[in-house]
Amino acid sequence: MHGVVGAVRELVLVVAIALGLSLLIKTFFVQAFFIPSESMENTMLRGDRILVTKLTPGPFELRRGDIVVFKDPGGWLGAPEPVQEGALRAGARRVLTFVGLLPSDSGQHLIKRIVGLPGDRVACCDANGMLTVNGKPIKEPYLKPGAVPSDLKFDKVIDPGFLWVMGDNRQMSKDSRFNTTFEGQVPMENVVGRSFVIVWPFDRAEWLDRPGDVFADVPAP
């Protein structure tokens, strides 16, 4: 009997430690999300599971070209659709999501690519139909094949503490071009972190490179 009790106690301790470590990792280092739309195709597909490092922003700086998850600045997303599920299942899902064992449902989060940093002048399109950053035309190899840099013209100098973000599937992305809150800009404080790997499905698992060379020749603002 004592052996059974001891085994149960050990199991409870192991589970508690695992949950505690998972919560610690989610809070300070890494968080999982899933992709809810087609706005980042073909870099990410609807249903992909990704990991986001919370060390950026933080000890490491954000860069142009980074793919970031951020909280809705206000008005970018509609009200989330109610999900029909039993109370027990809903409670278990909330607990597992809270401790980081399930990916966040992305209901009030978005994922886009940083195109402009504070002080940058981001415009589209030039005479050749290209996006420009601080006057430098940008060749964007990450765009979905067939997508154009933008169907909507814009010219914006990014305010201090804000970012300009766009989806890779431009014709299917509601991003900085379309939102009026903060003139389409995203407060840096709303950024949860930078996505760095696709972990599911397994046949699509890959590291997400930071395309620094795309913006390497952009002059300082």
C-alpha atoms as a PDB file:
ATOM      1  CA  MET A   1       0.000   0.000   0.000  1.00  0.00           C
ATOM      2  CA  HIS A   2       2.790   2.361   0.949  1.00  0.00           C
ATOM      3  CA  GLY A   3       4.478   1.573  -2.349  1.00  0.00           C
ATOM      4  CA  VAL A   4       1.377   2.585  -4.285  1.00  0.00           C
ATOM      5  CA  VAL A   5       1.010   5.809  -2.310  1.00  0.00           C
ATOM      6  CA  GLY A   6       4.663   6.598  -2.875  1.00  0.00           C
ATOM      7  CA  ALA A   7       4.337   5.972  -6.605  1.00  0.00           C
ATOM      8  CA  VAL A   8       1.279   8.230  -6.794  1.00  0.00           C
ATOM      9  CA  ARG A   9       3.084  10.978  -4.907  1.00  0.00           C
ATOM     10  CA  GLU A  10       6.064  10.670  -7.225  1.00  0.00           C
ATOM     11  CA  LEU A  11       3.798  10.841 -10.278  1.00  0.00           C
ATOM     12  CA  VAL A  12       2.011  13.918  -8.921  1.00  0.00           C
ATOM     13  CA  LEU A  13       5.374  15.559  -8.221  1.00  0.00           C
ATOM     14  CA  VAL A  14       6.659  14.803 -11.726  1.00  0.00           C
ATOM     15  CA  VAL A  15       3.467  16.166 -13.318  1.00  0.00           C
ATOM     16  CA  ALA A  16       3.583  19.286 -11.134  1.00  0.00           C
ATOM     17  CA  ILE A  17       7.213  19.939 -12.062  1.00  0.00           C
ATOM     18  CA  ALA A  18       6.462  19.390 -15.755  1.00  0.00           C
ATOM     19  CA  LEU A  19       3.514  21.787 -15.638  1.00  0.00           C
ATOM     20  CA  GLY A  20       5.565  24.340 -13.728  1.00  0.00           C
ATOM     21  CA  LEU A  21       8.418  24.168 -16.224  1.00  0.00           C
ATOM     22  CA  SER A  22       5.982  24.411 -19.129  1.00  0.00           C
ATOM     23  CA  LEU A  23       4.357  27.500 -17.603  1.00  0.00           C
ATOM     24  CA  LEU A  24       7.778  29.043 -16.922  1.00  0.00           C
ATOM     25  CA  ILE A  25       8.889  28.457 -20.513  1.00  0.00           C
ATOM     26  CA  LYS A  26       5.646  29.877 -21.917  1.00  0.00           C
ATOM     27  CA  THR A  27       5.784  32.939 -19.665  1.00  0.00           C
ATOM     28  CA  PHE A  28       9.375  33.936 -20.331  1.00  0.00           C
ATOM     29  CA  PHE A  29      10.817  32.095 -23.335  1.00  0.00           C
ATOM     30  CA  VAL A  30       8.616  30.311 -25.901  1.00  0.00           C
ATOM     31  CA  GLN A  31       4.903  30.166 -26.722  1.00  0.00           C
ATOM     32  CA  ALA A  32       3.043  28.060 -29.281  1.00  0.00           C
ATOM     33  CA  PHE A  33       0.444  29.446 -31.710  1.00  0.00           C
ATOM     34  CA  PHE A  34      -1.447  28.115 -34.695  1.00  0.00           C
ATOM     35  CA  ILE A  35      -2.003  29.885 -38.002  1.00  0.00           C
ATOM     36  CA  PRO A  36      -5.712  30.710 -38.468  1.00  0.00           C
ATOM     37  CA  SER A  37      -5.733  32.170 -41.992  1.00  0.00           C
ATOM     38  CA  GLU A  38      -4.077  32.300 -45.420  1.00  0.00           C
ATOM     39  CA  SER A  39      -2.477  35.719 -44.908  1.00  0.00           C
ATOM     40  CA  MET A  40       1.090  34.367 -44.536  1.00  0.00           C
ATOM     41  CA  GLU A  41       1.055  31.841 -47.409  1.00  0.00           C
ATOM     42  CA  ASN A  42       3.197  30.274 -48.647  1.00  0.00           C
ATOM     43  CA  THR A  43       5.584  30.855 -45.747  1.00  0.00           C
ATOM     44  CA  MET A  44       2.952  29.530 -43.344  1.00  0.00           C
ATOM     45  CA  LEU A  45      -0.247  27.667 -44.133  1.00  0.00           C
ATOM     46  CA  ARG A  46      -3.568  27.682 -42.325  1.00  0.00           C
ATOM     47  CA  GLY A  47      -3.375  25.164 -39.483  1.00  0.00           C
ATOM     48  CA  ASP A  48       0.422  25.269 -39.073  1.00  0.00           C
ATOM     49  CA  ARG A  49       1.674  25.236 -35.482  1.00  0.00           C
ATOM     50  CA  ILE A  50       4.556  27.570 -34.757  1.00  0.00           C
ATOM     51  CA  LEU A  51       6.780  28.508 -31.842  1.00  0.00           C
ATOM     52  CA  VAL A  52       7.439  32.121 -30.910  1.00  0.00           C
ATOM     53  CA  THR A  53      10.474  33.282 -28.961  1.00  0.00           C
ATOM     54  CA  LYS A  54       9.712  35.882 -26.322  1.00  0.00           C
ATOM     55  CA  LEU A  55      13.352  36.969 -26.237  1.00  0.00           C
ATOM     56  CA  THR A  56      12.469  39.192 -29.214  1.00  0.00           C
ATOM     57  CA  PRO A  57      11.584  41.932 -28.438  1.00  0.00           C
ATOM     58  CA  GLY A  58      13.566  41.863 -25.243  1.00  0.00           C
ATOM     59  CA  PRO A  59      17.255  40.967 -25.033  1.00  0.00           C
ATOM     60  CA  PHE A  60      17.311  40.804 -28.849  1.00  0.00           C
ATOM     61  CA  GLU A  61      16.092  43.486 -31.238  1.00  0.00           C
ATOM     62  CA  LEU A  62      13.380  43.140 -33.843  1.00  0.00           C
ATOM     63  CA  ARG A  63      14.506  43.433 -37.462  1.00  0.00           C
ATOM     64  CA  ARG A  64      12.859  44.152 -40.770  1.00  0.00           C
ATOM     65  CA  GLY A  65      11.675  40.859 -42.205  1.00  0.00           C
ATOM     66  CA  ASP A  66      10.949  39.234 -38.846  1.00  0.00           C
ATOM     67  CA  ILE A  67       7.627  37.394 -38.583  1.00  0.00           C
ATOM     68  CA  VAL A  68       5.965  38.408 -35.330  1.00  0.00           C
ATOM     69  CA  VAL A  69       2.871  37.515 -33.338  1.00  0.00           C
ATOM     70  CA  PHE A  70       1.172  40.522 -31.764  1.00  0.00           C
ATOM     71  CA  LYS A  71      -1.959  41.387 -29.843  1.00  0.00           C
ATOM     72  CA  ASP A  72      -4.712  43.092 -31.810  1.00  0.00           C
ATOM     73  CA  PRO A  73      -4.068  46.856 -31.472  1.00  0.00           C
ATOM     74  CA  GLY A  74      -7.820  47.370 -31.733  1.00  0.00           C
ATOM     75  CA  GLY A  75     -10.233  46.796 -34.577  1.00  0.00           C
ATOM     76  CA  TRP A  76      -8.048  44.490 -36.670  1.00  0.00           C
ATOM     77  CA  LEU A  77     -10.067  41.416 -35.710  1.00  0.00           C
ATOM     78  CA  GLY A  78     -13.770  40.945 -35.285  1.00  0.00           C
ATOM     79  CA  ALA A  79     -15.372  39.321 -32.265  1.00  0.00           C
ATOM     80  CA  PRO A  80     -14.227  35.691 -31.941  1.00  0.00           C
ATOM     81  CA  GLU A  81     -16.780  33.107 -33.000  1.00  0.00           C
ATOM     82  CA  PRO A  82     -18.121  31.023 -30.098  1.00  0.00           C
ATOM     83  CA  VAL A  83     -16.881  27.444 -29.997  1.00  0.00           C
ATOM     84  CA  GLN A  84     -19.390  24.760 -29.039  1.00  0.00           C
ATOM     85  CA  GLU A  85     -17.783  22.298 -26.632  1.00  0.00           C
ATOM     86  CA  GLY A  86     -18.533  20.692 -23.304  1.00  0.00           C
ATOM     87  CA  ALA A  87     -17.607  22.408 -20.055  1.00  0.00           C
ATOM     88  CA  LEU A  88     -15.084  19.710 -19.104  1.00  0.00           C
ATOM     89  CA  ARG A  89     -13.332  19.812 -22.461  1.00  0.00           C
ATOM     90  CA  ALA A  90     -13.328  23.622 -22.507  1.00  0.00           C
ATOM     91  CA  GLY A  91     -11.865  23.751 -19.008  1.00  0.00           C
ATOM     92  CA  ALA A  92      -9.149  21.242 -19.850  1.00  0.00           C
ATOM     93  CA  ARG A  93      -8.284  23.159 -23.019  1.00  0.00           C
ATOM     94  CA  ARG A  94      -7.984  26.446 -21.112  1.00  0.00           C
ATOM     95  CA  VAL A  95      -5.721  24.879 -18.485  1.00  0.00           C
ATOM     96  CA  LEU A  96      -3.467  23.164 -21.034  1.00  0.00           C
ATOM     97  CA  THR A  97      -3.252  26.357 -23.101  1.00  0.00           C
ATOM     98  CA  PHE A  98      -2.465  28.408 -19.998  1.00  0.00           C
ATOM     99  CA  VAL A  99       0.478  26.201 -19.034  1.00  0.00           C
ATOM    100  CA  GLY A 100       1.713  26.026 -22.626  1.00  0.00           C
ATOM    101  CA  LEU A 101       0.921  22.405 -23.473  1.00  0.00           C
ATOM    102  CA  LEU A 102      -1.538  23.447 -26.184  1.00  0.00           C
ATOM    103  CA  PRO A 103      -1.007  26.258 -28.713  1.00  0.00           C
ATOM    104  CA  SER A 104      -2.858  29.515 -28.141  1.00  0.00           C
ATOM    105  CA  ASP A 105      -5.918  29.763 -30.357  1.00  0.00           C
ATOM    106  CA  SER A 106      -4.684  33.057 -31.874  1.00  0.00           C
ATOM    107  CA  GLY A 107      -8.193  34.467 -31.345  1.00  0.00           C
ATOM    108  CA  GLN A 108      -6.958  37.954 -30.441  1.00  0.00           C
ATOM    109  CA  HIS A 109      -3.490  37.685 -31.953  1.00  0.00           C
ATOM    110  CA  LEU A 110      -2.199  38.213 -35.471  1.00  0.00           C
ATOM    111  CA  ILE A 111       0.935  37.119 -37.270  1.00  0.00           C
ATOM    112  CA  LYS A 112       2.589  39.305 -39.911  1.00  0.00           C
ATOM    113  CA  ARG A 113       6.009  40.250 -41.264  1.00  0.00           C
ATOM    114  CA  ILE A 114       7.746  43.438 -40.152  1.00  0.00           C
ATOM    115  CA  VAL A 115       8.359  45.723 -43.119  1.00  0.00           C
ATOM    116  CA  GLY A 116       9.008  49.009 -41.344  1.00  0.00           C
ATOM    117  CA  LEU A 117      10.740  49.890 -38.063  1.00  0.00           C
ATOM    118  CA  PRO A 118      10.380  53.152 -36.114  1.00  0.00           C
ATOM    119  CA  GLY A 119      11.502  56.073 -38.282  1.00  0.00           C
ATOM    120  CA  ASP A 120      11.333  54.146 -41.566  1.00  0.00           C
ATOM    121  CA  ARG A 121       9.441  55.542 -44.530  1.00  0.00           C
ATOM    122  CA  VAL A 122       7.482  52.676 -46.069  1.00  0.00           C
ATOM    123  CA  ALA A 123       5.779  53.266 -49.422  1.00  0.00           C
ATOM    124  CA  CYS A 124       4.193  51.369 -52.264  1.00  0.00           C
ATOM    125  CA  CYS A 125       4.380  51.204 -55.049  1.00  0.00           C
ATOM    126  CA  ASP A 126       7.206  52.816 -57.038  1.00  0.00           C
ATOM    127  CA  ALA A 127       7.289  53.120 -60.850  1.00  0.00           C
ATOM    128  CA  ASN A 128       8.284  49.450 -61.073  1.00  0.00           C
ATOM    129  CA  GLY A 129       5.501  48.307 -58.761  1.00  0.00           C
ATOM    130  CA  MET A 130       7.847  47.593 -55.847  1.00  0.00           C
ATOM    131  CA  LEU A 131       7.660  48.272 -52.135  1.00  0.00           C
ATOM    132  CA  THR A 132      10.229  50.805 -50.924  1.00  0.00           C
ATOM    133  CA  VAL A 133      11.746  51.328 -47.483  1.00  0.00           C
ATOM    134  CA  ASN A 134      13.554  54.632 -47.011  1.00  0.00           C
ATOM    135  CA  GLY A 135      13.543  54.986 -50.793  1.00  0.00           C
ATOM    136  CA  LYS A 136      15.142  51.574 -51.420  1.00  0.00           C
ATOM    137  CA  PRO A 137      13.121  49.187 -53.652  1.00  0.00           C
ATOM    138  CA  ILE A 138      12.691  45.823 -51.942  1.00  0.00           C
ATOM    139  CA  LYS A 139      12.645  42.491 -53.768  1.00  0.00           C
ATOM    140  CA  GLU A 140      10.451  40.279 -51.602  1.00  0.00           C
ATOM    141  CA  PRO A 141      11.161  36.583 -52.305  1.00  0.00           C
ATOM    142  CA  TYR A 142       8.838  35.510 -49.487  1.00  0.00           C
ATOM    143  CA  LEU A 143       5.683  36.783 -51.237  1.00  0.00           C
ATOM    144  CA  LYS A 144       3.228  34.114 -52.324  1.00  0.00           C
ATOM    145  CA  PRO A 145       3.763  33.352 -56.032  1.00  0.00           C
ATOM    146  CA  GLY A 146       1.488  35.602 -58.039  1.00  0.00           C
ATOM    147  CA  ALA A 147       1.057  38.132 -55.233  1.00  0.00           C
ATOM    148  CA  VAL A 148       1.952  41.773 -55.861  1.00  0.00           C
ATOM    149  CA  PRO A 149       3.542  44.014 -53.210  1.00  0.00           C
ATOM    150  CA  SER A 150       0.262  45.895 -52.728  1.00  0.00           C
ATOM    151  CA  ASP A 151      -2.957  46.709 -54.545  1.00  0.00           C
ATOM    152  CA  LEU A 152      -3.330  49.712 -52.251  1.00  0.00           C
ATOM    153  CA  LYS A 153      -1.001  52.710 -52.449  1.00  0.00           C
ATOM    154  CA  PHE A 154       0.466  54.020 -49.196  1.00  0.00           C
ATOM    155  CA  ASP A 155       3.287  56.220 -47.948  1.00  0.00           C
ATOM    156  CA  LYS A 156       3.948  56.288 -44.215  1.00  0.00           C
ATOM    157  CA  VAL A 157       6.753  57.346 -41.874  1.00  0.00           C
ATOM    158  CA  ILE A 158       6.621  54.986 -38.911  1.00  0.00           C
ATOM    159  CA  ASP A 159       6.212  56.641 -35.521  1.00  0.00           C
ATOM    160  CA  PRO A 160       8.589  55.968 -32.604  1.00  0.00           C
ATOM    161  CA  GLY A 161       7.610  52.802 -30.766  1.00  0.00           C
ATOM    162  CA  PHE A 162       5.597  51.390 -33.673  1.00  0.00           C
ATOM    163  CA  LEU A 163       5.967  48.882 -36.526  1.00  0.00           C
ATOM    164  CA  TRP A 164       4.551  48.501 -40.035  1.00  0.00           C
ATOM    165  CA  VAL A 165       3.552  44.900 -40.752  1.00  0.00           C
ATOM    166  CA  MET A 166       2.232  43.053 -43.806  1.00  0.00           C
ATOM    167  CA  GLY A 167       1.268  39.497 -44.739  1.00  0.00           C
ATOM    168  CA  ASP A 168       3.177  37.493 -47.348  1.00  0.00           C
ATOM    169  CA  ASN A 169      -0.077  36.754 -49.190  1.00  0.00           C
ATOM    170  CA  ARG A 170      -0.769  40.444 -49.766  1.00  0.00           C
ATOM    171  CA  GLN A 171      -4.108  40.062 -51.525  1.00  0.00           C
ATOM    172  CA  MET A 172      -5.458  37.981 -48.604  1.00  0.00           C
ATOM    173  CA  SER A 173      -3.960  39.942 -45.715  1.00  0.00           C
ATOM    174  CA  LYS A 174      -5.679  42.589 -43.607  1.00  0.00           C
ATOM    175  CA  ASP A 175      -2.595  44.325 -42.291  1.00  0.00           C
ATOM    176  CA  SER A 176      -1.138  47.794 -41.692  1.00  0.00           C
ATOM    177  CA  ARG A 177      -2.469  48.984 -45.044  1.00  0.00           C
ATOM    178  CA  PHE A 178      -6.115  48.573 -44.097  1.00  0.00           C
ATOM    179  CA  ASN A 179      -6.422  49.423 -40.413  1.00  0.00           C
ATOM    180  CA  THR A 180      -7.058  52.875 -39.020  1.00  0.00           C
ATOM    181  CA  THR A 181      -6.054  52.268 -35.394  1.00  0.00           C
ATOM    182  CA  PHE A 182      -2.682  54.026 -34.932  1.00  0.00           C
ATOM    183  CA  GLU A 183      -2.800  54.677 -38.705  1.00  0.00           C
ATOM    184  CA  GLY A 184      -2.166  50.993 -39.336  1.00  0.00           C
ATOM    185  CA  GLN A 185       0.883  50.829 -37.099  1.00  0.00           C
ATOM    186  CA  VAL A 186       1.424  48.187 -34.412  1.00  0.00           C
ATOM    187  CA  PRO A 187       2.722  49.283 -30.989  1.00  0.00           C
ATOM    188  CA  MET A 188       5.937  47.426 -30.223  1.00  0.00           C
ATOM    189  CA  GLU A 189       4.571  46.716 -26.748  1.00  0.00           C
ATOM    190  CA  ASN A 190       1.867  44.574 -28.386  1.00  0.00           C
ATOM    191  CA  VAL A 191       4.426  42.182 -29.878  1.00  0.00           C
ATOM    192  CA  VAL A 192       4.406  38.794 -28.135  1.00  0.00           C
ATOM    193  CA  GLY A 193       7.515  37.567 -29.913  1.00  0.00           C
ATOM    194  CA  ARG A 194       9.190  36.444 -33.134  1.00  0.00           C
ATOM    195  CA  SER A 195       8.210  33.161 -34.778  1.00  0.00           C
ATOM    196  CA  PHE A 196      11.234  30.975 -35.441  1.00  0.00           C
ATOM    197  CA  VAL A 197      10.027  27.475 -36.323  1.00  0.00           C
ATOM    198  CA  ILE A 198       7.071  25.545 -37.739  1.00  0.00           C
ATOM    199  CA  VAL A 199       6.601  22.437 -35.593  1.00  0.00           C
ATOM    200  CA  TRP A 200       3.399  20.935 -37.029  1.00  0.00           C
ATOM    201  CA  PRO A 201       2.503  19.227 -39.281  1.00  0.00           C
ATOM    202  CA  PHE A 202       5.733  17.242 -39.251  1.00  0.00           C
ATOM    203  CA  ASP A 203       6.079  17.233 -43.029  1.00  0.00           C
ATOM    204  CA  ARG A 204       6.233  21.043 -42.945  1.00  0.00           C
ATOM    205  CA  ALA A 205       8.477  21.394 -39.898  1.00  0.00           C
ATOM    206  CA  GLU A 206      11.255  23.883 -40.610  1.00  0.00           C
ATOM    207  CA  TRP A 207      13.200  26.770 -39.156  1.00  0.00           C
ATOM    208  CA  LEU A 208      11.997  30.209 -40.206  1.00  0.00           C
ATOM    209  CA  ASP A 209      15.022  32.148 -41.396  1.00  0.00           C
ATOM    210  CA  ARG A 210      15.313  35.872 -40.823  1.00  0.00           C
ATOM    211  CA  PRO A 211      15.608  37.338 -44.358  1.00  0.00           C
ATOM    212  CA  GLY A 212      18.114  39.985 -43.366  1.00  0.00           C
ATOM    213  CA  ASP A 213      19.663  40.116 -46.833  1.00  0.00           C
ATOM    214  CA  VAL A 214      16.346  41.348 -48.276  1.00  0.00           C
ATOM    215  CA  PHE A 215      16.645  44.563 -46.275  1.00  0.00           C
ATOM    216  CA  ALA A 216      20.450  44.686 -46.036  1.00  0.00           C
ATOM    217  CA  ASP A 217      20.828  47.704 -48.328  1.00  0.00           C
ATOM    218  CA  VAL A 218      18.052  49.791 -46.787  1.00  0.00           C
ATOM    219  CA  PRO A 219      19.550  53.129 -45.701  1.00  0.00           C
ATOM    220  CA  ALA A 220      18.999  54.514 -42.233  1.00  0.00           C
ATOM    221  CA  PRO A 221      15.925  56.734 -41.929  1.00  0.00           C
END
